[in-house]
Amino acid sequence: MSEITVRPLGEDEWQDYRAVRLEALRESPEAFAATVDEEEAFDEASWRERMKRSARLIAEQDGQAVGVVSVGTAATDDGADAGELFGLWVKPELRGTGVATKLVTSGAVVARRRGESHLYYWVGTDNGRAVAFASGMGFRPTDQRRPMGVASEDDGEEEIAMVLPLGQDPGVIGG
């Protein structure tokens, strides 16, 4: 297997983000609140605005997109500067190969470089695989809960905020 690389996408690469996002919505519609039909209808200006709102990271293998994640700003009760990881998706045939780990690690670096002290990641309370993955990355459960944005048998009806403290060194997670 050739190397997986992760890189940020700039605003002018909105079409690359659009392509992988629509692929994710087609392949895993149950994992997202949006639908492929809704997002296919977005015009260029809408996609460019999305690129400005949050960092978009793409995982590639041999020049082909194999995963994506976004890093936005979290709304916290205490007003702390925190990032929020969302929209994580990896092509099914590459799940369990480390692609998600590379995306999350890169997302944590982005958040730390922006000066954020923590990174939040919302996970379905009934999704044992996702909770285990996030825990393995150093995320810890909080007491924050919210209703699921999408109905899924794997995720249940509620999701939990998991939080990762970001180290002082932008290359170190949880350090």
C-alpha atoms as a PDB file:
ATOM      1  CA  MET A   1       0.000   0.000   0.000  1.00  0.00           C
ATOM      2  CA  SER A   2       1.393   3.410  -0.913  1.00  0.00           C
ATOM      3  CA  GLU A   3       1.727   6.192   1.617  1.00  0.00           C
ATOM      4  CA  ILE A   4      -1.256   8.175   2.867  1.00  0.00           C
ATOM      5  CA  THR A   5      -0.703  11.926   3.025  1.00  0.00           C
ATOM      6  CA  VAL A   6      -2.910  14.553   4.649  1.00  0.00           C
ATOM      7  CA  ARG A   7      -2.997  18.149   3.530  1.00  0.00           C
ATOM      8  CA  PRO A   8      -5.153  21.207   4.114  1.00  0.00           C
ATOM      9  CA  LEU A   9      -7.303  22.472   1.286  1.00  0.00           C
ATOM     10  CA  GLY A  10      -7.366  26.153   0.396  1.00  0.00           C
ATOM     11  CA  GLU A  11     -10.449  28.064  -0.708  1.00  0.00           C
ATOM     12  CA  ASP A  12      -9.513  27.631  -4.373  1.00  0.00           C
ATOM     13  CA  GLU A  13      -9.592  23.853  -3.905  1.00  0.00           C
ATOM     14  CA  TRP A  14     -13.306  23.886  -3.126  1.00  0.00           C
ATOM     15  CA  GLN A  15     -13.962  21.469  -6.000  1.00  0.00           C
ATOM     16  CA  ASP A  16     -11.649  18.873  -4.415  1.00  0.00           C
ATOM     17  CA  TYR A  17     -13.508  19.234  -1.116  1.00  0.00           C
ATOM     18  CA  ARG A  18     -16.861  19.094  -2.902  1.00  0.00           C
ATOM     19  CA  ALA A  19     -15.908  15.843  -4.673  1.00  0.00           C
ATOM     20  CA  VAL A  20     -14.825  13.986  -1.526  1.00  0.00           C
ATOM     21  CA  ARG A  21     -17.684  15.408   0.552  1.00  0.00           C
ATOM     22  CA  LEU A  22     -20.274  14.252  -1.989  1.00  0.00           C
ATOM     23  CA  GLU A  23     -18.595  10.833  -2.149  1.00  0.00           C
ATOM     24  CA  ALA A  24     -18.844  10.609   1.653  1.00  0.00           C
ATOM     25  CA  LEU A  25     -22.532  11.582   1.579  1.00  0.00           C
ATOM     26  CA  ARG A  26     -23.235   8.956  -1.101  1.00  0.00           C
ATOM     27  CA  GLU A  27     -21.313   6.176   0.632  1.00  0.00           C
ATOM     28  CA  SER A  28     -22.361   6.871   4.249  1.00  0.00           C
ATOM     29  CA  PRO A  29     -25.607   8.876   4.153  1.00  0.00           C
ATOM     30  CA  GLU A  30     -26.532   7.743   7.661  1.00  0.00           C
ATOM     31  CA  ALA A  31     -23.417   9.401   9.102  1.00  0.00           C
ATOM     32  CA  PHE A  32     -24.269  12.961   8.116  1.00  0.00           C
ATOM     33  CA  ALA A  33     -27.080  15.411   8.826  1.00  0.00           C
ATOM     34  CA  ALA A  34     -26.915  16.713   5.239  1.00  0.00           C
ATOM     35  CA  THR A  35     -27.919  14.799   2.130  1.00  0.00           C
ATOM     36  CA  VAL A  36     -26.087  14.433  -1.150  1.00  0.00           C
ATOM     37  CA  ASP A  37     -29.058  16.028  -2.966  1.00  0.00           C
ATOM     38  CA  GLU A  38     -28.872  19.125  -0.738  1.00  0.00           C
ATOM     39  CA  GLU A  39     -25.146  19.573  -1.146  1.00  0.00           C
ATOM     40  CA  GLU A  40     -25.058  18.817  -4.880  1.00  0.00           C
ATOM     41  CA  ALA A  41     -27.296  21.869  -5.278  1.00  0.00           C
ATOM     42  CA  PHE A  42     -24.777  24.228  -3.593  1.00  0.00           C
ATOM     43  CA  ASP A  43     -23.201  26.745  -5.944  1.00  0.00           C
ATOM     44  CA  GLU A  44     -19.532  27.721  -6.075  1.00  0.00           C
ATOM     45  CA  ALA A  45     -20.042  30.654  -3.682  1.00  0.00           C
ATOM     46  CA  SER A  46     -21.548  28.315  -1.069  1.00  0.00           C
ATOM     47  CA  TRP A  47     -18.645  25.884  -1.325  1.00  0.00           C
ATOM     48  CA  ARG A  48     -16.109  28.720  -1.101  1.00  0.00           C
ATOM     49  CA  GLU A  49     -17.856  30.045   2.014  1.00  0.00           C
ATOM     50  CA  ARG A  50     -17.622  26.601   3.609  1.00  0.00           C
ATOM     51  CA  MET A  51     -13.904  26.537   2.863  1.00  0.00           C
ATOM     52  CA  LYS A  52     -13.483  29.827   4.755  1.00  0.00           C
ATOM     53  CA  ARG A  53     -15.581  28.749   7.750  1.00  0.00           C
ATOM     54  CA  SER A  54     -13.528  25.701   8.744  1.00  0.00           C
ATOM     55  CA  ALA A  55     -10.240  24.014   7.908  1.00  0.00           C
ATOM     56  CA  ARG A  56     -10.750  21.141   5.469  1.00  0.00           C
ATOM     57  CA  LEU A  57      -8.184  18.353   5.472  1.00  0.00           C
ATOM     58  CA  ILE A  58      -7.983  15.690   2.813  1.00  0.00           C
ATOM     59  CA  ALA A  59      -6.216  12.340   3.001  1.00  0.00           C
ATOM     60  CA  GLU A  60      -4.776  11.149  -0.286  1.00  0.00           C
ATOM     61  CA  GLN A  61      -3.208   7.994  -1.644  1.00  0.00           C
ATOM     62  CA  ASP A  62      -1.579   8.100  -5.067  1.00  0.00           C
ATOM     63  CA  GLY A  63      -3.175  11.501  -5.664  1.00  0.00           C
ATOM     64  CA  GLN A  64      -6.696  10.223  -4.962  1.00  0.00           C
ATOM     65  CA  ALA A  65      -8.849  11.402  -2.052  1.00  0.00           C
ATOM     66  CA  VAL A  66      -9.403   8.610   0.469  1.00  0.00           C
ATOM     67  CA  GLY A  67     -10.663  10.579   3.472  1.00  0.00           C
ATOM     68  CA  VAL A  68     -11.649  13.967   4.789  1.00  0.00           C
ATOM     69  CA  VAL A  69     -12.180  15.823   8.053  1.00  0.00           C
ATOM     70  CA  SER A  70     -13.070  19.373   9.019  1.00  0.00           C
ATOM     71  CA  VAL A  71     -11.880  21.468  11.943  1.00  0.00           C
ATOM     72  CA  GLY A  72     -14.068  24.336  13.070  1.00  0.00           C
ATOM     73  CA  THR A  73     -14.434  26.384  16.217  1.00  0.00           C
ATOM     74  CA  ALA A  74     -16.297  24.799  19.116  1.00  0.00           C
ATOM     75  CA  ALA A  75     -18.958  26.633  21.067  1.00  0.00           C
ATOM     76  CA  THR A  76     -17.987  26.062  24.698  1.00  0.00           C
ATOM     77  CA  ASP A  77     -19.892  26.935  27.865  1.00  0.00           C
ATOM     78  CA  ASP A  78     -16.811  28.484  29.455  1.00  0.00           C
ATOM     79  CA  GLY A  79     -15.772  30.565  26.434  1.00  0.00           C
ATOM     80  CA  ALA A  80     -12.483  28.664  26.046  1.00  0.00           C
ATOM     81  CA  ASP A  81     -10.722  28.663  22.694  1.00  0.00           C
ATOM     82  CA  ALA A  82     -11.455  25.180  21.410  1.00  0.00           C
ATOM     83  CA  GLY A  83     -11.685  23.491  18.059  1.00  0.00           C
ATOM     84  CA  GLU A  84     -14.255  20.992  16.888  1.00  0.00           C
ATOM     85  CA  LEU A  85     -13.524  18.019  14.678  1.00  0.00           C
ATOM     86  CA  PHE A  86     -16.394  17.009  12.379  1.00  0.00           C
ATOM     87  CA  GLY A  87     -17.267  15.402   9.071  1.00  0.00           C
ATOM     88  CA  LEU A  88     -14.684  12.623   9.462  1.00  0.00           C
ATOM     89  CA  TRP A  89     -14.958  10.074   6.658  1.00  0.00           C
ATOM     90  CA  VAL A  90     -12.644   7.414   5.220  1.00  0.00           C
ATOM     91  CA  LYS A  91     -13.256   5.224   2.173  1.00  0.00           C
ATOM     92  CA  PRO A  92     -14.619   1.885   3.423  1.00  0.00           C
ATOM     93  CA  GLU A  93     -11.778  -0.195   1.976  1.00  0.00           C
ATOM     94  CA  LEU A  94      -9.238   1.871   3.937  1.00  0.00           C
ATOM     95  CA  ARG A  95     -10.998   1.920   7.301  1.00  0.00           C
ATOM     96  CA  GLY A  96      -8.816   0.445  10.011  1.00  0.00           C
ATOM     97  CA  THR A  97      -5.582   1.244   8.128  1.00  0.00           C
ATOM     98  CA  GLY A  98      -4.636   4.434   9.964  1.00  0.00           C
ATOM     99  CA  VAL A  99      -6.196   7.000   7.621  1.00  0.00           C
ATOM    100  CA  ALA A 100      -8.612   8.292  10.278  1.00  0.00           C
ATOM    101  CA  THR A 101      -5.745   8.501  12.774  1.00  0.00           C
ATOM    102  CA  LYS A 102      -3.731  10.642  10.353  1.00  0.00           C
ATOM    103  CA  LEU A 103      -6.718  12.902   9.709  1.00  0.00           C
ATOM    104  CA  VAL A 104      -7.478  13.376  13.415  1.00  0.00           C
ATOM    105  CA  THR A 105      -3.807  13.964  14.256  1.00  0.00           C
ATOM    106  CA  SER A 106      -3.565  16.571  11.499  1.00  0.00           C
ATOM    107  CA  GLY A 107      -6.807  18.188  12.697  1.00  0.00           C
ATOM    108  CA  ALA A 108      -5.384  18.455  16.220  1.00  0.00           C
ATOM    109  CA  VAL A 109      -2.262  20.135  14.855  1.00  0.00           C
ATOM    110  CA  VAL A 110      -4.415  22.660  12.968  1.00  0.00           C
ATOM    111  CA  ALA A 111      -6.414  23.460  16.116  1.00  0.00           C
ATOM    112  CA  ARG A 112      -3.278  23.843  18.246  1.00  0.00           C
ATOM    113  CA  ARG A 113      -1.634  26.141  15.697  1.00  0.00           C
ATOM    114  CA  ARG A 114      -4.743  28.321  15.816  1.00  0.00           C
ATOM    115  CA  GLY A 115      -4.188  28.669  19.550  1.00  0.00           C
ATOM    116  CA  GLU A 116      -6.989  26.356  20.630  1.00  0.00           C
ATOM    117  CA  SER A 117      -6.399  24.505  23.882  1.00  0.00           C
ATOM    118  CA  HIS A 118      -8.819  21.620  23.293  1.00  0.00           C
ATOM    119  CA  LEU A 119     -10.386  19.736  20.426  1.00  0.00           C
ATOM    120  CA  TYR A 120     -13.974  18.470  20.678  1.00  0.00           C
ATOM    121  CA  TYR A 121     -15.387  15.522  18.758  1.00  0.00           C
ATOM    122  CA  TRP A 122     -19.064  14.508  19.011  1.00  0.00           C
ATOM    123  CA  VAL A 123     -19.641  10.747  18.888  1.00  0.00           C
ATOM    124  CA  GLY A 124     -22.808   8.652  19.053  1.00  0.00           C
ATOM    125  CA  THR A 125     -23.113   7.209  22.562  1.00  0.00           C
ATOM    126  CA  ASP A 126     -24.036   3.785  21.175  1.00  0.00           C
ATOM    127  CA  ASN A 127     -21.248   3.732  18.567  1.00  0.00           C
ATOM    128  CA  GLY A 128     -18.691   1.655  20.458  1.00  0.00           C
ATOM    129  CA  ARG A 129     -16.216   1.634  17.568  1.00  0.00           C
ATOM    130  CA  ALA A 130     -16.195   5.436  17.295  1.00  0.00           C
ATOM    131  CA  VAL A 131     -15.944   5.907  21.074  1.00  0.00           C
ATOM    132  CA  ALA A 132     -13.049   3.410  21.213  1.00  0.00           C
ATOM    133  CA  PHE A 133     -11.291   5.136  18.301  1.00  0.00           C
ATOM    134  CA  ALA A 134     -11.628   8.581  19.898  1.00  0.00           C
ATOM    135  CA  SER A 135     -10.503   7.222  23.292  1.00  0.00           C
ATOM    136  CA  GLY A 136      -7.482   5.609  21.645  1.00  0.00           C
ATOM    137  CA  MET A 137      -6.571   9.002  20.174  1.00  0.00           C
ATOM    138  CA  GLY A 138      -6.635  10.535  23.662  1.00  0.00           C
ATOM    139  CA  PHE A 139     -10.135  12.028  23.640  1.00  0.00           C
ATOM    140  CA  ARG A 140     -11.976  11.776  26.945  1.00  0.00           C
ATOM    141  CA  PRO A 141     -15.750  11.802  27.474  1.00  0.00           C
ATOM    142  CA  THR A 142     -17.381  14.904  28.918  1.00  0.00           C
ATOM    143  CA  ASP A 143     -20.785  15.274  30.542  1.00  0.00           C
ATOM    144  CA  GLN A 144     -22.064  17.152  27.475  1.00  0.00           C
ATOM    145  CA  ARG A 145     -24.757  15.344  25.500  1.00  0.00           C
ATOM    146  CA  ARG A 146     -27.046  16.343  22.651  1.00  0.00           C
ATOM    147  CA  PRO A 147     -29.613  14.648  20.434  1.00  0.00           C
ATOM    148  CA  MET A 148     -28.196  13.028  17.322  1.00  0.00           C
ATOM    149  CA  GLY A 149     -28.388  15.130  14.187  1.00  0.00           C
ATOM    150  CA  VAL A 150     -29.134  11.977  12.213  1.00  0.00           C
ATOM    151  CA  ALA A 151     -30.904   8.768  13.184  1.00  0.00           C
ATOM    152  CA  SER A 152     -28.617   5.760  13.131  1.00  0.00           C
ATOM    153  CA  GLU A 153     -28.837   2.322  14.691  1.00  0.00           C
ATOM    154  CA  ASP A 154     -25.068   2.337  15.329  1.00  0.00           C
ATOM    155  CA  ASP A 155     -25.026   5.744  16.991  1.00  0.00           C
ATOM    156  CA  GLY A 156     -28.302   5.630  18.911  1.00  0.00           C
ATOM    157  CA  GLU A 157     -30.276   8.762  19.652  1.00  0.00           C
ATOM    158  CA  GLU A 158     -27.694  10.776  21.573  1.00  0.00           C
ATOM    159  CA  GLU A 159     -24.123  11.871  21.103  1.00  0.00           C
ATOM    160  CA  ILE A 160     -21.432  12.734  23.600  1.00  0.00           C
ATOM    161  CA  ALA A 161     -18.767  15.422  23.370  1.00  0.00           C
ATOM    162  CA  MET A 162     -15.322  13.932  23.725  1.00  0.00           C
ATOM    163  CA  VAL A 163     -12.448  16.317  24.315  1.00  0.00           C
ATOM    164  CA  LEU A 164      -8.739  16.175  23.595  1.00  0.00           C
ATOM    165  CA  PRO A 165      -6.412  18.558  25.442  1.00  0.00           C
ATOM    166  CA  LEU A 166      -3.835  19.887  23.003  1.00  0.00           C
ATOM    167  CA  GLY A 167      -0.180  19.986  24.076  1.00  0.00           C
ATOM    168  CA  GLN A 168       2.071  23.040  23.982  1.00  0.00           C
ATOM    169  CA  ASP A 169       4.023  21.622  21.025  1.00  0.00           C
ATOM    170  CA  PRO A 170       1.808  21.808  17.897  1.00  0.00           C
ATOM    171  CA  GLY A 171       3.140  18.424  16.804  1.00  0.00           C
ATOM    172  CA  VAL A 172       2.132  16.695  20.038  1.00  0.00           C
ATOM    173  CA  ILE A 173      -1.424  15.659  20.797  1.00  0.00           C
ATOM    174  CA  GLY A 174      -2.418  15.647  24.420  1.00  0.00           C
ATOM    175  CA  GLY A 175       1.141  16.593  25.420  1.00  0.00           C
END
